[in-house]
C-alpha cells in the first residue's frame, strides 16, 4: 500500500487521454500524519410520544437536544469524532461531539492544529498533517490537504 501511494501513476479521462500524477514522494508538503472527522450515526434521542395514546404529540422539551445531534448535511442524527493518526500507530482522538457542526468547527474546538505546531516548536521545518478538502481553511497552519476544489470557487 505504501509503495503504491508513493509511486507515480497514470489515469485516463473520459476521452482516453492520459493524466499523469506524481506519487507522495513528490508531494510539496512534508506529511507525517492523517487527520479525519467521521460521523457515527445514533438513534434519535428521547424520541417517542408524550402520552400513551394514538397520535399523541411529541415530547416538546427534547426538540433542542434532537436538533443538536442532527446533521443537516448527511440527514441523520450522529456523533462526530476527530482522529489524528501517526505512522507508528499513535493516535489522537477528540470527541465525540454533536454531529451538527462542520469538520472545521471540530478541528478548531479540538486545538489539533495548535498541538501539531507545539510538538514541533524547535524544529527548523514544519511537518504537516494530511486531511481531506475541508482542511484547506486559511487559519490552519499545520494541517493541509492536497485536494483542490473544482467549480466551487474555494482556493486550496
N, C-alpha and C. Protein backbone atom coordinates (compact mmCIF):
# COMPACT_ATOMS: atom_id res chain seq x y z
N UNK A 1 0.83 -1.19 0.00
CA UNK A 1 0.00 0.00 0.00
C UNK A 1 0.88 1.26 0.00
N UNK A 2 1.90 1.27 0.86
CA UNK A 2 2.75 2.46 0.95
C UNK A 2 3.48 2.71 -0.36
N UNK A 3 4.02 1.67 -0.97
CA UNK A 3 4.72 1.85 -2.24
C UNK A 3 3.76 2.25 -3.35
N UNK A 4 2.55 1.76 -3.29
CA UNK A 4 1.54 2.13 -4.29
C UNK A 4 1.23 3.62 -4.22
N UNK A 5 1.19 4.19 -3.02
CA UNK A 5 0.89 5.61 -2.87
C UNK A 5 2.08 6.48 -3.23
N UNK A 6 3.29 5.97 -3.12
CA UNK A 6 4.49 6.77 -3.35
C UNK A 6 4.86 6.86 -4.82
N UNK A 7 4.52 5.87 -5.60
CA UNK A 7 4.96 5.88 -6.99
C UNK A 7 4.04 6.70 -7.88
N UNK A 8 4.58 7.25 -8.97
CA UNK A 8 3.74 7.98 -9.92
C UNK A 8 2.71 7.05 -10.56
N UNK A 9 1.62 7.64 -11.04
CA UNK A 9 0.56 6.83 -11.59
C UNK A 9 -0.01 7.52 -12.83
N UNK A 10 -0.64 6.75 -13.69
CA UNK A 10 -1.28 7.28 -14.90
C UNK A 10 -2.76 6.92 -14.84
N UNK A 11 -3.63 7.93 -14.97
CA UNK A 11 -5.07 7.74 -15.05
C UNK A 11 -5.52 8.21 -16.42
N UNK A 12 -6.68 7.77 -16.84
CA UNK A 12 -7.20 8.17 -18.14
C UNK A 12 -8.56 8.84 -17.97
N UNK A 13 -8.76 9.96 -18.67
CA UNK A 13 -10.05 10.66 -18.59
C UNK A 13 -11.07 10.00 -19.52
N UNK A 14 -12.23 10.63 -19.67
CA UNK A 14 -13.30 10.03 -20.47
C UNK A 14 -12.96 9.95 -21.95
N UNK A 15 -12.02 10.76 -22.42
CA UNK A 15 -11.60 10.73 -23.82
C UNK A 15 -10.33 9.90 -24.02
N UNK A 16 -9.97 9.12 -23.01
CA UNK A 16 -8.81 8.22 -23.03
C UNK A 16 -7.49 8.99 -23.14
N UNK A 17 -7.45 10.22 -22.65
CA UNK A 17 -6.21 10.98 -22.57
C UNK A 17 -5.51 10.68 -21.26
N UNK A 18 -4.20 10.45 -21.30
CA UNK A 18 -3.51 10.12 -20.05
C UNK A 18 -3.37 11.34 -19.13
N UNK A 19 -3.56 11.12 -17.84
CA UNK A 19 -3.36 12.14 -16.82
C UNK A 19 -2.30 11.59 -15.87
N UNK A 20 -1.15 12.23 -15.84
CA UNK A 20 -0.05 11.77 -15.01
C UNK A 20 -0.14 12.43 -13.64
N UNK A 21 0.05 11.64 -12.61
CA UNK A 21 0.06 12.19 -11.25
C UNK A 21 1.28 11.66 -10.51
N UNK A 22 1.97 12.58 -9.87
CA UNK A 22 3.13 12.19 -9.08
C UNK A 22 2.67 11.50 -7.82
N UNK A 23 3.46 10.61 -7.32
CA UNK A 23 3.14 9.95 -6.06
C UNK A 23 3.46 10.85 -4.88
N UNK A 24 3.30 10.32 -3.70
CA UNK A 24 3.56 11.11 -2.50
C UNK A 24 5.03 11.46 -2.31
N UNK A 25 5.92 10.80 -3.03
CA UNK A 25 7.33 11.16 -2.94
C UNK A 25 7.57 12.56 -3.50
N UNK A 26 6.67 13.03 -4.37
CA UNK A 26 6.80 14.35 -4.98
C UNK A 26 5.83 15.35 -4.36
N UNK A 27 5.34 15.06 -3.19
CA UNK A 27 4.39 15.93 -2.52
C UNK A 27 5.09 17.23 -2.08
N UNK A 28 4.48 18.39 -2.30
CA UNK A 28 5.15 19.65 -1.93
C UNK A 28 5.17 19.93 -0.43
N UNK A 29 4.42 19.19 0.37
CA UNK A 29 4.46 19.38 1.82
C UNK A 29 4.98 18.11 2.47
N UNK A 30 5.56 18.25 3.65
CA UNK A 30 6.09 17.11 4.38
C UNK A 30 5.01 16.61 5.33
N UNK A 31 4.42 15.46 5.01
CA UNK A 31 3.34 14.91 5.81
C UNK A 31 3.88 13.91 6.82
N UNK A 32 3.26 13.89 8.00
CA UNK A 32 3.64 12.89 8.98
C UNK A 32 2.44 12.26 9.67
N UNK A 33 1.24 12.62 9.30
CA UNK A 33 0.06 12.04 9.90
C UNK A 33 -1.18 12.33 9.08
N UNK A 34 -2.26 11.66 9.42
CA UNK A 34 -3.52 11.82 8.71
C UNK A 34 -4.59 12.20 9.72
N UNK A 35 -5.40 13.19 9.37
CA UNK A 35 -6.49 13.66 10.23
C UNK A 35 -7.81 13.50 9.48
N UNK A 36 -8.85 13.10 10.20
CA UNK A 36 -10.16 12.93 9.59
C UNK A 36 -11.24 13.03 10.66
N UNK A 37 -12.37 13.58 10.29
CA UNK A 37 -13.57 13.59 11.14
C UNK A 37 -14.57 12.63 10.52
N UNK A 38 -15.23 11.87 11.35
CA UNK A 38 -16.27 11.00 10.81
C UNK A 38 -17.50 11.06 11.69
N UNK A 39 -18.63 10.82 11.06
CA UNK A 39 -19.91 10.83 11.74
C UNK A 39 -20.30 9.40 12.09
N UNK A 40 -20.74 9.21 13.30
CA UNK A 40 -21.21 7.91 13.77
C UNK A 40 -22.70 8.04 14.04
N UNK A 41 -23.52 7.38 13.25
CA UNK A 41 -24.96 7.50 13.37
C UNK A 41 -25.48 6.99 14.71
N UNK A 42 -26.45 7.69 15.28
CA UNK A 42 -27.06 7.31 16.55
C UNK A 42 -28.58 7.30 16.38
N UNK A 43 -29.25 6.73 17.34
CA UNK A 43 -30.70 6.75 17.34
C UNK A 43 -31.19 8.16 17.71
N UNK A 44 -32.40 8.47 17.33
CA UNK A 44 -32.99 9.77 17.66
C UNK A 44 -33.15 9.83 19.18
N UNK A 45 -32.57 10.87 19.77
CA UNK A 45 -32.58 11.00 21.22
C UNK A 45 -33.96 11.35 21.74
N UNK A 46 -34.38 10.70 22.81
CA UNK A 46 -35.64 11.00 23.50
C UNK A 46 -36.84 10.98 22.56
N UNK A 47 -36.81 10.14 21.55
CA UNK A 47 -37.91 10.08 20.60
C UNK A 47 -39.08 9.35 21.23
N UNK A 48 -40.24 9.65 20.75
CA UNK A 48 -41.42 8.98 21.22
C UNK A 48 -42.52 9.96 21.56
N UNK A 49 -43.71 9.44 21.73
CA UNK A 49 -44.84 10.32 22.05
C UNK A 49 -44.80 10.78 23.50
N UNK A 50 -45.47 11.91 23.76
CA UNK A 50 -45.52 12.48 25.10
C UNK A 50 -46.55 11.79 25.98
N UNK A 51 -47.47 11.06 25.39
CA UNK A 51 -48.50 10.36 26.17
C UNK A 51 -48.68 8.96 25.60
N UNK A 52 -49.56 8.20 26.22
CA UNK A 52 -49.72 6.81 25.85
C UNK A 52 -51.03 6.58 25.10
N UNK A 53 -51.31 7.39 24.10
CA UNK A 53 -52.49 7.19 23.28
C UNK A 53 -52.13 7.46 21.82
N UNK A 54 -52.93 6.98 20.92
CA UNK A 54 -52.65 7.08 19.50
C UNK A 54 -52.64 8.54 19.05
N UNK A 55 -51.69 8.88 18.18
CA UNK A 55 -51.48 10.23 17.65
C UNK A 55 -51.17 11.25 18.75
N UNK A 56 -50.50 10.81 19.79
CA UNK A 56 -50.09 11.73 20.86
C UNK A 56 -49.00 12.66 20.33
N UNK A 57 -48.91 13.89 20.83
CA UNK A 57 -47.86 14.81 20.37
C UNK A 57 -46.47 14.35 20.85
N UNK A 58 -45.45 14.85 20.18
CA UNK A 58 -44.08 14.54 20.56
C UNK A 58 -43.69 15.29 21.83
N UNK A 59 -42.63 14.84 22.45
CA UNK A 59 -42.12 15.49 23.66
C UNK A 59 -41.41 16.79 23.26
N UNK A 60 -42.03 17.91 23.51
CA UNK A 60 -41.50 19.19 23.06
C UNK A 60 -40.21 19.59 23.77
N UNK A 61 -40.01 19.19 25.02
CA UNK A 61 -38.84 19.61 25.78
C UNK A 61 -37.53 19.03 25.23
N UNK A 62 -37.61 18.02 24.34
CA UNK A 62 -36.40 17.40 23.82
C UNK A 62 -36.07 17.80 22.39
N UNK A 63 -36.82 18.73 21.81
CA UNK A 63 -36.56 19.11 20.43
C UNK A 63 -35.20 19.79 20.26
N UNK A 64 -34.78 20.57 21.22
CA UNK A 64 -33.47 21.24 21.14
C UNK A 64 -32.35 20.20 21.15
N UNK A 65 -32.47 19.20 22.00
CA UNK A 65 -31.46 18.13 22.07
C UNK A 65 -31.42 17.36 20.75
N UNK A 66 -32.57 17.06 20.19
CA UNK A 66 -32.60 16.32 18.94
C UNK A 66 -31.98 17.12 17.80
N UNK A 67 -32.23 18.43 17.75
CA UNK A 67 -31.64 19.27 16.71
C UNK A 67 -30.13 19.39 16.86
N UNK A 68 -29.63 19.33 18.08
CA UNK A 68 -28.18 19.45 18.32
C UNK A 68 -27.41 18.30 17.71
N UNK A 69 -28.01 17.14 17.62
CA UNK A 69 -27.31 15.96 17.08
C UNK A 69 -27.70 15.64 15.65
N UNK A 70 -28.54 16.45 15.04
CA UNK A 70 -28.98 16.19 13.66
C UNK A 70 -28.02 16.85 12.68
N UNK A 71 -27.44 16.06 11.80
CA UNK A 71 -26.55 16.57 10.77
C UNK A 71 -27.38 16.91 9.55
N UNK A 72 -27.54 18.18 9.29
CA UNK A 72 -28.32 18.60 8.13
C UNK A 72 -27.65 18.22 6.82
N UNK A 73 -26.33 18.08 6.84
CA UNK A 73 -25.59 17.72 5.63
C UNK A 73 -25.83 16.26 5.26
N UNK A 74 -25.79 15.38 6.24
CA UNK A 74 -25.97 13.94 5.99
C UNK A 74 -27.39 13.46 6.24
N UNK A 75 -28.22 14.27 6.87
CA UNK A 75 -29.64 13.97 7.12
C UNK A 75 -29.84 12.78 8.05
N UNK A 76 -29.09 12.71 9.13
CA UNK A 76 -29.34 11.75 10.20
C UNK A 76 -28.73 12.26 11.50
N UNK A 77 -29.14 11.68 12.62
CA UNK A 77 -28.61 12.05 13.93
C UNK A 77 -27.27 11.34 14.12
N UNK A 78 -26.28 12.08 14.67
CA UNK A 78 -24.95 11.49 14.75
C UNK A 78 -24.09 12.17 15.81
N UNK A 79 -23.03 11.45 16.18
CA UNK A 79 -21.91 11.99 16.94
C UNK A 79 -20.76 12.16 15.97
N UNK A 80 -19.87 13.10 16.24
CA UNK A 80 -18.71 13.32 15.39
C UNK A 80 -17.44 13.08 16.21
N UNK A 81 -16.48 12.37 15.62
CA UNK A 81 -15.20 12.09 16.27
C UNK A 81 -14.09 12.49 15.30
N UNK A 82 -13.10 13.24 15.82
CA UNK A 82 -11.94 13.61 15.02
C UNK A 82 -10.77 12.71 15.41
N UNK A 83 -10.12 12.14 14.43
CA UNK A 83 -8.97 11.27 14.70
C UNK A 83 -7.75 11.80 13.97
N UNK A 84 -6.60 11.65 14.59
CA UNK A 84 -5.32 12.03 14.01
C UNK A 84 -4.39 10.85 14.23
N UNK A 85 -3.94 10.25 13.16
CA UNK A 85 -3.10 9.06 13.26
C UNK A 85 -1.69 9.29 12.74
N UNK A 86 -0.72 8.73 13.44
CA UNK A 86 0.68 8.79 13.03
C UNK A 86 1.10 7.43 12.46
N UNK A 87 2.14 7.38 11.66
CA UNK A 87 2.55 6.11 11.05
C UNK A 87 2.99 5.05 12.06
N UNK A 88 3.42 5.46 13.25
CA UNK A 88 3.86 4.48 14.24
C UNK A 88 2.71 3.92 15.08
N UNK A 89 1.47 4.33 14.77
CA UNK A 89 0.32 3.79 15.46
C UNK A 89 -0.24 4.66 16.57
N UNK A 90 0.48 5.70 16.95
CA UNK A 90 -0.03 6.61 17.96
C UNK A 90 -1.16 7.44 17.35
N UNK A 91 -2.23 7.60 18.10
CA UNK A 91 -3.35 8.36 17.57
C UNK A 91 -3.89 9.32 18.62
N UNK A 92 -4.56 10.34 18.13
CA UNK A 92 -5.20 11.36 18.95
C UNK A 92 -6.66 11.39 18.55
N UNK A 93 -7.55 11.34 19.53
CA UNK A 93 -8.97 11.39 19.23
C UNK A 93 -9.61 12.53 20.01
N UNK A 94 -10.50 13.24 19.36
CA UNK A 94 -11.27 14.29 20.01
C UNK A 94 -12.74 14.00 19.78
N UNK A 95 -13.47 13.94 20.85
CA UNK A 95 -14.90 13.70 20.73
C UNK A 95 -15.32 12.54 21.59
N UNK A 96 -16.50 12.10 21.47
CA UNK A 96 -17.49 12.51 20.48
C UNK A 96 -18.14 13.84 20.84
N UNK A 97 -18.48 14.58 19.80
CA UNK A 97 -19.22 15.82 19.93
C UNK A 97 -20.48 15.69 19.08
N UNK A 98 -21.40 16.63 19.23
CA UNK A 98 -22.63 16.59 18.45
C UNK A 98 -22.31 16.68 16.96
N UNK A 99 -23.03 15.93 16.16
CA UNK A 99 -22.77 15.87 14.73
C UNK A 99 -23.29 17.04 13.93
N UNK A 100 -23.81 18.06 14.58
CA UNK A 100 -24.39 19.19 13.86
C UNK A 100 -23.33 20.10 13.24
N UNK A 101 -22.21 20.30 13.91
CA UNK A 101 -21.18 21.22 13.42
C UNK A 101 -20.37 20.64 12.27
N UNK A 102 -19.64 21.51 11.61
CA UNK A 102 -18.80 21.09 10.49
C UNK A 102 -17.46 20.54 11.00
N UNK A 103 -16.68 19.97 10.07
CA UNK A 103 -15.36 19.46 10.43
C UNK A 103 -14.43 20.61 10.86
N UNK A 104 -14.58 21.77 10.25
CA UNK A 104 -13.76 22.93 10.62
C UNK A 104 -14.05 23.35 12.05
N UNK A 105 -15.31 23.34 12.45
CA UNK A 105 -15.66 23.66 13.83
C UNK A 105 -15.04 22.67 14.79
N UNK A 106 -15.06 21.41 14.44
CA UNK A 106 -14.50 20.37 15.30
C UNK A 106 -12.99 20.51 15.43
N UNK A 107 -12.28 20.77 14.33
CA UNK A 107 -10.82 20.90 14.40
C UNK A 107 -10.44 22.18 15.14
N UNK A 108 -11.24 23.22 15.04
CA UNK A 108 -10.97 24.45 15.80
C UNK A 108 -11.17 24.21 17.29
N UNK A 109 -12.24 23.52 17.66
CA UNK A 109 -12.51 23.24 19.07
C UNK A 109 -11.50 22.28 19.68
N UNK A 110 -10.99 21.35 18.89
CA UNK A 110 -10.06 20.35 19.43
C UNK A 110 -8.67 20.92 19.69
N UNK A 111 -8.27 21.96 18.98
CA UNK A 111 -6.93 22.53 19.14
C UNK A 111 -5.85 21.67 18.51
N UNK A 112 -6.21 20.81 17.57
CA UNK A 112 -5.24 19.91 16.95
C UNK A 112 -4.17 20.66 16.17
N UNK A 113 -4.55 21.71 15.46
CA UNK A 113 -3.58 22.49 14.69
C UNK A 113 -2.52 23.10 15.62
N UNK A 114 -2.95 23.65 16.74
CA UNK A 114 -2.01 24.21 17.72
C UNK A 114 -1.14 23.13 18.34
N UNK A 115 -1.72 21.95 18.59
CA UNK A 115 -0.96 20.83 19.17
C UNK A 115 0.14 20.37 18.23
N UNK A 116 -0.16 20.27 16.94
CA UNK A 116 0.85 19.83 15.97
C UNK A 116 1.99 20.85 15.89
N UNK A 117 1.66 22.14 15.90
CA UNK A 117 2.71 23.16 15.91
C UNK A 117 3.51 23.13 17.21
N UNK A 118 2.85 22.88 18.34
CA UNK A 118 3.52 22.87 19.64
C UNK A 118 4.55 21.75 19.76
N UNK A 119 4.23 20.56 19.26
CA UNK A 119 5.18 19.44 19.38
C UNK A 119 6.36 19.59 18.43
N UNK A 120 6.31 20.57 17.52
CA UNK A 120 7.41 20.81 16.58
C UNK A 120 8.02 22.20 16.75
N UNK A 121 7.87 22.82 17.91
CA UNK A 121 8.25 24.22 18.06
C UNK A 121 9.74 24.48 17.89
N UNK A 122 10.61 23.53 18.13
CA UNK A 122 12.05 23.75 17.99
C UNK A 122 12.62 23.15 16.71
N UNK A 123 11.76 22.80 15.78
CA UNK A 123 12.20 22.19 14.52
C UNK A 123 12.40 23.26 13.46
N UNK A 124 13.33 23.02 12.56
CA UNK A 124 13.60 24.00 11.51
C UNK A 124 12.56 23.95 10.40
N UNK A 125 11.90 22.80 10.22
CA UNK A 125 10.89 22.70 9.18
C UNK A 125 9.63 22.08 9.79
N UNK A 126 8.48 22.56 9.36
CA UNK A 126 7.21 22.13 9.93
C UNK A 126 6.62 20.99 9.11
N UNK A 127 6.38 19.87 9.76
CA UNK A 127 5.69 18.75 9.13
C UNK A 127 4.20 18.98 9.26
N UNK A 128 3.44 18.52 8.30
CA UNK A 128 2.01 18.76 8.24
C UNK A 128 1.22 17.47 8.39
N UNK A 129 0.01 17.61 8.85
CA UNK A 129 -0.94 16.50 8.85
C UNK A 129 -1.76 16.62 7.56
N UNK A 130 -2.15 15.49 7.03
CA UNK A 130 -2.88 15.43 5.78
C UNK A 130 -4.35 15.17 6.05
N UNK A 131 -5.22 15.94 5.42
CA UNK A 131 -6.66 15.76 5.59
C UNK A 131 -7.37 15.88 4.26
N UNK A 132 -8.70 15.80 4.29
CA UNK A 132 -9.46 15.93 3.07
C UNK A 132 -9.66 17.40 2.72
N UNK A 133 -10.51 17.68 1.76
CA UNK A 133 -10.65 19.02 1.20
C UNK A 133 -11.06 20.08 2.21
N UNK A 134 -11.79 19.71 3.24
CA UNK A 134 -12.27 20.69 4.22
C UNK A 134 -11.11 21.33 5.00
N UNK A 135 -9.96 20.68 5.04
CA UNK A 135 -8.82 21.19 5.80
C UNK A 135 -7.96 22.18 5.01
N UNK A 136 -8.49 22.73 3.94
CA UNK A 136 -7.80 23.80 3.21
C UNK A 136 -8.17 25.18 3.76
N UNK A 137 -8.63 25.25 5.00
CA UNK A 137 -9.04 26.52 5.60
C UNK A 137 -7.82 27.42 5.81
N UNK A 138 -8.06 28.72 5.74
CA UNK A 138 -6.97 29.70 5.82
C UNK A 138 -6.30 29.74 7.19
N UNK A 139 -7.03 29.46 8.28
CA UNK A 139 -6.46 29.60 9.61
C UNK A 139 -5.64 28.39 10.04
N UNK A 140 -5.68 27.29 9.32
CA UNK A 140 -4.90 26.11 9.67
C UNK A 140 -3.48 26.24 9.13
N UNK A 141 -2.50 26.02 10.00
CA UNK A 141 -1.11 26.13 9.57
C UNK A 141 -0.37 24.80 9.55
N UNK A 142 -0.85 23.81 10.30
CA UNK A 142 -0.16 22.53 10.38
C UNK A 142 -0.99 21.37 9.82
N UNK A 143 -2.16 21.67 9.28
CA UNK A 143 -3.00 20.64 8.64
C UNK A 143 -3.28 21.12 7.23
N UNK A 144 -3.01 20.28 6.26
CA UNK A 144 -3.19 20.65 4.86
C UNK A 144 -3.90 19.53 4.11
N UNK A 145 -4.35 19.90 2.93
CA UNK A 145 -4.96 18.95 2.02
C UNK A 145 -4.30 19.10 0.67
N UNK A 146 -4.15 18.01 -0.03
CA UNK A 146 -3.59 18.06 -1.38
C UNK A 146 -4.70 18.10 -2.42
N UNK A 147 -5.95 18.10 -1.99
CA UNK A 147 -7.07 18.14 -2.91
C UNK A 147 -7.37 19.57 -3.30
N UNK A 148 -8.00 19.76 -4.43
CA UNK A 148 -8.41 21.08 -4.88
C UNK A 148 -9.92 21.08 -5.09
N UNK A 149 -10.54 22.20 -4.80
CA UNK A 149 -11.97 22.35 -5.06
C UNK A 149 -12.16 22.81 -6.49
N UNK A 150 -13.02 22.14 -7.21
CA UNK A 150 -13.28 22.50 -8.61
C UNK A 150 -14.69 23.03 -8.72
N UNK A 151 -14.83 24.20 -9.28
CA UNK A 151 -16.14 24.77 -9.56
C UNK A 151 -16.80 25.45 -8.37
N UNK A 152 -16.26 25.33 -7.19
CA UNK A 152 -16.90 25.93 -6.02
C UNK A 152 -16.34 27.30 -5.69
N UNK A 153 -15.24 27.70 -6.34
CA UNK A 153 -14.65 28.99 -6.06
C UNK A 153 -13.84 29.03 -4.78
N UNK A 154 -13.50 27.86 -4.24
CA UNK A 154 -12.72 27.78 -2.99
C UNK A 154 -11.26 27.59 -3.35
N UNK A 155 -10.43 28.43 -2.85
CA UNK A 155 -8.99 28.33 -3.14
C UNK A 155 -8.37 27.27 -2.24
N UNK A 156 -7.48 26.43 -2.77
CA UNK A 156 -6.83 25.40 -1.95
C UNK A 156 -5.82 25.98 -1.00
